[in-house]
Amino acid sequence: MKALLLAAGLGTRLQPFTLHHPKALAMVNGKSLLQRNIEYLQEQGIEELIVNVHHFADQIINEIETNKGWGSKVSISDETDAVLETGGGLKKATWYLEQEESFVVMNVDMLTDMPLAKMIKQHQISQPLATLAITDRTSSRYLLFNDKNTLCGWRNTTTLEEKGAVLMYDDQQKQTLVQKAFSGIHVISSRIFNLIQQQGKFSLIDVYMSLCADNTIEGFNHSDSLLIDVGKPESIIKAEGLFL
């Protein structure tokens, strides 16, 4: 199995570091987020991956080449012309992933000890279009699942905006849905490449919202695992206390 590691973002929340470096090279106890997640994927049995790059792309490419991919076979998806977000980034990497039955997509700024191999196994048994890593943590934006663990929509609890199949639900049906926070980790069937209608810059969440009414997308709850979004300077300090 192969993976796409999403590392093209501007990392504005991580300034001032990202004024001169990509967020993928932010250090946690002497290892960059990039190195940590490549090694995490190795531990889960994935040694071939593609990394998308945009912001200070040359620094990421140089780091991968200098360290020989930390033992993994690493390809580059060049988005230096325009950052494409998660969905556009996946679409641009179609050439690398489309021959796989399924593949992993992961944000470079998420650190976790989640049992990814177990999530992959669930995906292979159930054969949904995608399996999304989720937890019970508090957030302002949630994925909505029914009692069959099937994705039905998305909700912003601050603005009350909703997307997806949930828009067709009445209030009583909505009350049966469970809110889960997304962890930025996906296992996706390559069938998705024939279903994506969006062009240019777009998010994978919007792809799921356009497809979840007619396609099964499942959740994988890993609330008992460590997980941290290393998106702000203070989160690096917290991460250093969790990931040695």
Protein backbone atom coordinates (compact mmCIF):
# COMPACT_ATOMS: atom_id res chain seq x y z
CA MET A 1 0.00 0.00 0.00
CA LYS A 2 1.10 3.56 -0.78
CA ALA A 3 0.38 6.85 0.96
CA LEU A 4 0.00 10.56 0.19
CA LEU A 5 1.49 12.85 2.83
CA LEU A 6 -0.05 16.31 2.57
CA ALA A 7 2.72 18.86 3.16
CA ALA A 8 1.90 21.71 0.75
CA GLY A 9 0.07 24.03 3.14
CA LEU A 10 1.31 27.50 4.05
CA GLY A 11 1.23 26.76 7.78
CA THR A 12 0.18 30.31 8.70
CA ARG A 13 -0.79 29.23 12.23
CA LEU A 14 2.81 28.14 12.81
CA GLN A 15 4.35 31.55 12.16
CA PRO A 16 6.99 32.89 12.62
CA PHE A 17 8.63 29.51 11.79
CA THR A 18 6.73 29.20 8.51
CA LEU A 19 7.83 32.64 7.31
CA HIS A 20 11.11 30.95 6.37
CA HIS A 21 10.38 27.21 6.40
CA PRO A 22 7.60 24.77 5.49
CA LYS A 23 5.52 23.45 8.39
CA ALA A 24 6.61 19.91 7.47
CA LEU A 25 10.10 20.74 8.78
CA ALA A 26 8.97 22.00 12.20
CA MET A 27 10.94 20.06 14.80
CA VAL A 28 9.57 17.96 17.66
CA ASN A 29 12.32 16.59 19.92
CA GLY A 30 14.94 16.69 17.18
CA LYS A 31 12.83 15.20 14.39
CA SER A 32 10.78 17.07 11.81
CA LEU A 33 7.07 16.42 11.37
CA LEU A 34 7.97 15.07 7.93
CA GLN A 35 10.45 12.53 9.31
CA ARG A 36 8.14 11.50 12.15
CA ASN A 37 5.23 10.76 9.83
CA ILE A 38 7.36 8.92 7.27
CA GLU A 39 8.68 6.76 10.11
CA TYR A 40 5.13 6.33 11.47
CA LEU A 41 3.99 5.06 8.08
CA GLN A 42 6.95 2.67 8.03
CA GLU A 43 5.89 1.27 11.41
CA GLN A 44 2.44 0.65 9.93
CA GLY A 45 3.87 -1.22 6.95
CA ILE A 46 3.91 1.59 4.36
CA GLU A 47 7.29 2.35 2.78
CA GLU A 48 6.23 3.98 -0.49
CA LEU A 49 4.67 7.43 -0.45
CA ILE A 50 4.28 10.68 -2.29
CA VAL A 51 4.62 14.08 -0.61
CA ASN A 52 2.92 17.13 -2.09
CA VAL A 53 4.93 20.36 -1.83
CA HIS A 54 4.29 24.08 -2.37
CA HIS A 55 5.50 26.37 0.43
CA PHE A 56 9.35 26.29 0.49
CA ALA A 57 9.13 23.14 -1.62
CA ASP A 58 12.88 23.08 -2.21
CA GLN A 59 13.57 22.68 1.53
CA ILE A 60 11.33 19.61 1.75
CA ILE A 61 12.80 18.05 -1.38
CA ASN A 62 16.34 18.67 -0.14
CA GLU A 63 15.55 17.15 3.27
CA ILE A 64 14.10 14.02 1.67
CA GLU A 65 17.04 13.62 -0.69
CA THR A 66 19.67 14.29 2.00
CA ASN A 67 18.14 11.67 4.30
CA LYS A 68 17.35 9.21 1.49
CA GLY A 69 13.69 9.25 2.49
CA TRP A 70 14.59 7.94 5.97
CA GLY A 71 14.51 4.48 4.41
CA SER A 72 11.28 4.91 2.44
CA LYS A 73 10.78 5.36 -1.30
CA VAL A 74 9.48 8.94 -1.51
CA SER A 75 8.12 10.67 -4.62
CA ILE A 76 7.17 14.34 -4.98
CA SER A 77 3.94 15.92 -6.21
CA ASP A 78 4.93 19.46 -7.19
CA GLU A 79 2.30 22.11 -6.42
CA THR A 80 4.63 25.09 -6.52
CA ASP A 81 2.46 26.80 -9.16
CA ALA A 82 -0.64 26.73 -6.93
CA VAL A 83 -1.56 25.09 -3.65
CA LEU A 84 -4.52 22.77 -4.32
CA GLU A 85 -5.79 21.88 -0.81
CA THR A 86 -6.43 18.28 0.19
CA GLY A 87 -8.80 17.30 -2.62
CA GLY A 88 -6.90 19.03 -5.39
CA GLY A 89 -3.68 17.60 -4.00
CA LEU A 90 -5.08 14.08 -4.13
CA LYS A 91 -6.34 14.57 -7.68
CA LYS A 92 -2.91 15.79 -8.83
CA ALA A 93 -1.35 12.62 -7.34
CA THR A 94 -3.77 10.34 -9.23
CA TRP A 95 -0.95 9.03 -11.44
CA TYR A 96 0.86 7.70 -8.37
CA LEU A 97 -2.09 6.16 -6.51
CA GLU A 98 -4.68 5.04 -9.08
CA GLN A 99 -3.21 1.54 -9.52
CA GLU A 100 -3.53 0.81 -5.81
CA GLU A 101 -6.69 -0.89 -4.55
CA SER A 102 -6.63 1.57 -1.66
CA PHE A 103 -4.19 4.05 -0.16
CA VAL A 104 -3.60 6.27 2.87
CA VAL A 105 -3.82 10.08 2.94
CA MET A 106 -2.42 11.90 5.97
CA ASN A 107 -1.77 15.51 7.00
CA VAL A 108 1.91 16.10 7.77
CA ASP A 109 1.10 18.25 10.83
CA MET A 110 -0.83 15.50 12.65
CA LEU A 111 1.11 13.30 15.09
CA THR A 112 -0.49 10.12 16.40
CA ASP A 113 0.17 6.60 17.63
CA MET A 114 -3.14 5.42 16.15
CA PRO A 115 -3.11 1.77 14.96
CA LEU A 116 -3.26 2.62 11.27
CA ALA A 117 -2.78 -1.03 10.29
CA LYS A 118 -6.02 -1.84 12.17
CA MET A 119 -7.82 0.97 10.33
CA ILE A 120 -6.56 -0.37 7.00
CA LYS A 121 -7.79 -3.85 7.89
CA GLN A 122 -11.26 -2.49 8.73
CA HIS A 123 -11.31 -0.72 5.38
CA GLN A 124 -10.27 -3.85 3.49
CA ILE A 125 -12.99 -5.92 5.17
CA SER A 126 -15.84 -3.39 4.80
CA GLN A 127 -14.79 -2.05 1.37
CA PRO A 128 -16.29 1.45 1.73
CA LEU A 129 -15.28 4.27 -0.58
CA ALA A 130 -13.24 5.71 2.29
CA THR A 131 -12.56 5.16 5.98
CA LEU A 132 -11.89 8.28 8.06
CA ALA A 133 -10.03 8.43 11.37
CA ILE A 134 -12.22 10.09 14.01
CA THR A 135 -12.27 10.74 17.75
CA ASP A 136 -14.66 11.95 20.43
CA ARG A 137 -12.67 15.12 21.14
CA THR A 138 -14.28 18.58 21.25
CA SER A 139 -14.15 20.63 18.06
CA SER A 140 -16.12 23.35 16.28
CA ARG A 141 -16.38 21.25 13.11
CA TYR A 142 -17.67 17.69 13.10
CA LEU A 143 -18.34 14.81 10.77
CA LEU A 144 -21.81 13.33 11.28
CA PHE A 145 -22.37 9.56 11.39
CA ASN A 146 -25.50 7.43 11.66
CA ASP A 147 -25.93 4.35 13.86
CA LYS A 148 -24.29 2.21 11.15
CA ASN A 149 -21.08 4.27 11.37
CA THR A 150 -21.79 5.73 7.92
CA LEU A 151 -20.89 9.34 7.10
CA CYS A 152 -23.96 11.53 6.58
CA GLY A 153 -22.63 15.06 6.70
CA TRP A 154 -20.55 17.83 8.22
CA ARG A 155 -21.45 20.51 10.74
CA ASN A 156 -19.85 23.72 11.98
CA THR A 157 -21.26 24.19 15.49
CA THR A 158 -20.19 27.85 15.57
CA THR A 159 -21.89 28.98 12.36
CA LEU A 160 -24.45 26.10 12.28
CA GLU A 161 -23.53 25.48 8.64
CA GLU A 162 -24.16 21.91 7.45
CA LYS A 163 -23.10 20.01 4.33
CA GLY A 164 -23.78 16.61 2.80
CA ALA A 165 -26.72 14.21 2.95
CA VAL A 166 -27.73 15.69 6.31
CA LEU A 167 -29.30 18.61 4.40
CA MET A 168 -32.11 16.23 3.41
CA TYR A 169 -32.79 15.18 7.02
CA ASP A 170 -35.53 16.54 9.26
CA ASP A 171 -34.80 17.67 12.82
CA GLN A 172 -35.71 14.29 14.33
CA GLN A 173 -33.38 12.43 11.97
CA LYS A 174 -30.56 14.89 12.71
CA GLN A 175 -30.87 14.17 16.43
CA THR A 176 -29.95 10.52 15.80
CA LEU A 177 -26.61 11.45 14.21
CA VAL A 178 -23.36 11.35 16.18
CA GLN A 179 -20.74 14.10 15.95
CA LYS A 180 -17.11 13.01 15.61
CA ALA A 181 -13.95 15.08 15.14
CA PHE A 182 -11.86 14.22 12.07
CA SER A 183 -8.19 13.38 12.57
CA GLY A 184 -6.86 14.20 9.08
CA ILE A 185 -6.12 10.55 8.22
CA HIS A 186 -7.94 8.66 5.47
CA VAL A 187 -7.86 5.21 3.88
CA ILE A 188 -9.39 5.63 0.43
CA SER A 189 -10.39 3.27 -2.36
CA SER A 190 -8.98 4.17 -5.76
CA ARG A 191 -12.60 4.07 -6.99
CA ILE A 192 -12.78 7.66 -5.80
CA PHE A 193 -10.79 8.93 -8.80
CA ASN A 194 -13.71 8.13 -11.12
CA LEU A 195 -16.13 9.98 -8.83
CA ILE A 196 -14.36 13.28 -8.11
CA GLN A 197 -16.09 16.04 -10.07
CA GLN A 198 -14.34 19.04 -8.50
CA GLN A 199 -11.58 20.90 -10.31
CA GLY A 200 -8.61 23.00 -9.20
CA LYS A 201 -8.41 23.86 -5.50
CA PHE A 202 -10.86 21.96 -3.26
CA SER A 203 -11.00 19.97 -0.05
CA LEU A 204 -11.47 16.22 0.38
CA ILE A 205 -14.22 16.93 2.91
CA ASP A 206 -16.21 18.64 0.16
CA VAL A 207 -15.65 15.58 -2.05
CA TYR A 208 -17.02 13.35 0.71
CA MET A 209 -20.00 15.63 1.21
CA SER A 210 -20.86 15.40 -2.49
CA LEU A 211 -20.56 11.60 -2.46
CA CYS A 212 -21.78 10.38 0.92
CA ALA A 213 -25.46 10.19 -0.04
CA ASP A 214 -24.73 7.52 -2.66
CA ASN A 215 -21.47 5.99 -1.42
CA THR A 216 -20.54 4.37 1.89
CA ILE A 217 -17.89 6.28 3.85
CA GLU A 218 -17.10 4.90 7.31
CA GLY A 219 -15.45 6.12 10.49
CA PHE A 220 -12.62 4.54 12.48
CA ASN A 221 -12.78 5.71 16.09
CA HIS A 222 -9.36 5.88 17.74
CA SER A 223 -10.24 7.98 20.78
CA ASP A 224 -7.91 5.88 22.95
CA SER A 225 -4.86 6.92 20.88
CA LEU A 226 -2.55 9.91 21.13
CA LEU A 227 -3.32 12.64 18.59
CA ILE A 228 -2.12 16.20 18.27
CA ASP A 229 -2.46 18.80 15.54
CA VAL A 230 0.94 20.49 15.48
CA GLY A 231 -0.44 23.62 13.89
CA LYS A 232 0.62 26.31 16.37
CA PRO A 233 3.90 27.12 18.17
CA GLU A 234 2.42 26.15 21.56
CA SER A 235 1.34 22.76 20.17
CA ILE A 236 4.99 21.90 19.46
CA ILE A 237 5.71 22.18 23.18
CA LYS A 238 2.75 19.92 23.92
CA ALA A 239 3.84 17.44 21.23
CA GLU A 240 7.33 17.23 22.74
CA GLY A 241 5.78 15.99 25.94
CA LEU A 242 3.90 13.23 24.08
CA PHE A 243 6.24 12.12 21.28
CA LEU A 244 9.81 11.52 22.37
